[in-house]
Protein backbone atom coordinates (compact mmCIF):
# COMPACT_ATOMS: atom_id res chain seq x y z
CA MET A 1 130.14 116.16 95.24
CA LEU A 2 127.68 114.07 93.31
CA GLN A 3 125.71 115.36 90.36
CA LEU A 4 122.58 114.19 92.16
CA ASP A 5 123.38 116.47 95.11
CA ARG A 6 123.68 119.45 92.77
CA VAL A 7 120.45 118.65 90.92
CA VAL A 8 118.50 118.19 94.16
CA GLU A 9 119.88 121.47 95.51
CA LEU A 10 118.92 123.20 92.26
CA TYR A 11 115.42 121.76 92.48
CA LEU A 12 115.06 123.06 96.04
CA LEU A 13 116.11 126.54 94.85
CA LEU A 14 113.32 126.69 92.28
CA PRO A 15 110.38 128.82 93.43
CA LYS A 16 106.80 127.65 93.19
CA TYR A 17 104.61 129.11 90.47
CA PRO A 18 103.85 132.06 89.95
CA ARG A 19 107.32 133.16 91.12
CA LYS A 20 110.16 132.51 88.64
CA LEU A 21 113.94 132.71 88.56
CA SER A 22 116.28 133.04 85.58
CA VAL A 23 119.18 130.66 84.97
CA SER A 24 121.59 133.42 86.03
CA GLU A 25 119.77 133.90 89.34
CA LEU A 26 119.64 130.15 89.97
CA HIS A 27 123.32 129.82 89.04
CA GLN A 28 124.32 132.55 91.51
CA ARG A 29 122.17 131.07 94.31
CA LEU A 30 123.67 127.63 93.68
CA ILE A 31 127.21 129.03 93.89
CA ASN A 32 126.25 130.76 97.16
CA ARG A 33 125.32 127.35 98.60
CA GLY A 34 129.00 126.42 98.80
CA PRO A 35 132.12 125.48 96.87
CA ASP A 36 130.72 122.04 96.01
CA PHE A 37 128.17 123.73 93.76
CA ASN A 38 130.59 125.93 91.83
CA VAL A 39 129.65 124.92 88.28
CA CYS A 40 129.27 126.89 85.08
CA ARG A 41 126.00 128.49 84.02
CA ARG A 42 125.63 126.05 81.13
CA THR A 43 125.69 123.11 83.57
CA VAL A 44 122.81 124.71 85.47
CA GLU A 45 120.89 125.02 82.18
CA ARG A 46 121.50 121.35 81.40
CA ASP A 47 120.37 120.33 84.88
CA LEU A 48 117.18 122.38 84.52
CA VAL A 49 116.42 120.79 81.14
CA ASP A 50 116.96 117.35 82.71
CA LEU A 51 114.60 118.22 85.57
CA MET A 52 112.03 119.55 83.12
CA GLY A 53 112.24 116.31 81.14
CA SER A 54 111.28 114.27 84.19
CA ARG A 55 107.60 113.60 84.72
CA HIS A 56 108.04 113.61 88.50
CA PHE A 57 109.37 117.06 89.36
CA GLY A 58 107.07 119.51 87.59
CA VAL A 59 109.87 121.88 86.56
CA VAL A 60 108.64 124.35 83.96
CA THR A 61 110.01 127.31 82.01
CA ASP A 62 107.96 130.17 80.63
CA GLY A 63 110.07 130.36 77.44
CA ALA A 64 110.58 134.13 77.76
CA LYS A 65 113.91 135.91 77.21
CA PRO A 66 115.48 135.38 79.72
CA ALA A 67 113.55 132.25 80.61
CA GLY A 68 111.91 132.03 84.00
CA TRP A 69 112.08 128.66 85.75
CA TYR A 70 109.75 127.43 88.47
CA ARG A 71 108.12 124.39 90.08
CA ASP A 72 104.51 123.76 89.19
CA PRO A 73 102.84 121.99 92.15
CA GLN A 74 100.01 120.90 89.84
CA ILE A 75 102.48 118.75 87.89
CA SER A 76 104.95 117.64 90.56
CA VAL A 77 104.41 114.41 92.45
CA PHE A 78 106.36 115.87 95.38
CA SER A 79 104.83 118.25 97.90
CA ASP A 80 106.89 120.99 99.46
CA HIS A 81 107.16 120.11 103.15
CA ARG A 82 110.67 121.54 103.36
CA SER A 83 109.49 125.04 104.26
CA THR A 84 107.53 123.90 107.33
CA ASN A 85 110.24 121.51 108.58
CA GLN A 86 107.53 118.89 108.95
CA PRO A 87 107.85 115.38 107.58
CA ALA A 88 105.73 114.52 104.59
CA PRO A 89 102.47 112.82 105.59
CA VAL A 90 102.46 109.10 105.09
CA GLY A 91 99.25 107.37 104.14
CA ILE A 92 98.52 104.20 106.09
CA ASN A 93 96.82 101.45 104.18
CA PRO A 94 94.41 99.61 106.50
CA GLN A 95 94.65 96.53 104.28
CA PRO A 96 98.28 95.58 103.71
CA ALA A 97 99.13 94.05 100.37
CA ALA A 98 99.34 90.29 100.40
CA PRO A 99 102.74 89.04 99.22
CA GLU A 100 101.15 86.93 96.48
CA LEU A 101 99.58 90.05 94.94
CA GLY A 102 102.89 91.75 94.17
CA CYS A 103 103.16 95.52 94.44
CA VAL A 104 100.80 97.74 96.41
CA ARG A 105 99.20 99.14 93.24
CA CYS A 106 98.34 95.65 91.98
CA ALA A 107 96.95 94.71 95.39
CA ALA A 108 94.71 97.81 95.40
CA GLU A 109 93.41 96.97 91.92
CA HIS A 110 92.79 93.39 93.03
CA ARG A 111 90.82 94.55 96.11
CA GLN A 112 88.78 96.93 93.94
CA ALA A 113 87.97 94.16 91.47
CA ALA A 114 87.02 91.83 94.34
CA ALA A 115 84.65 94.45 95.76
CA GLU A 116 82.67 94.72 92.50
CA PRO A 117 79.62 92.46 92.35
CA VAL A 118 80.08 89.35 90.26
CA PRO A 119 77.06 88.46 88.11
CA MET A 120 75.52 85.16 89.13
CA ARG A 121 75.16 82.52 86.47
CA CYS A 122 72.13 80.34 86.34
CA ALA A 123 72.98 76.84 87.55
CA ALA A 124 69.93 75.25 85.87
């Protein structure tokens, strides 16, 4: 089993705010997922701290004793489409990025800048 598999499984076990789970509850649920996830409680704590340190996942603790852990959808860049068994919606860009513009973000900024009016200079 890869560490990544365990961390992803742990992330999927986290409830959305306002529900919360303690490390002990998350540890027990992770163990119940199968023998591949039989790790110590301290490893679960470390994994949660790692997830919380990432700016992408929106994992938060309330700091209480015992701490409650949850996913904050306001912070996370991932939406939860797992519960509906539907694929995540994919946005279609009507103007594909030109290869000379580099990444999609740069191409979008370039198109925005091109759409702004350019002040005319007097040719006289």
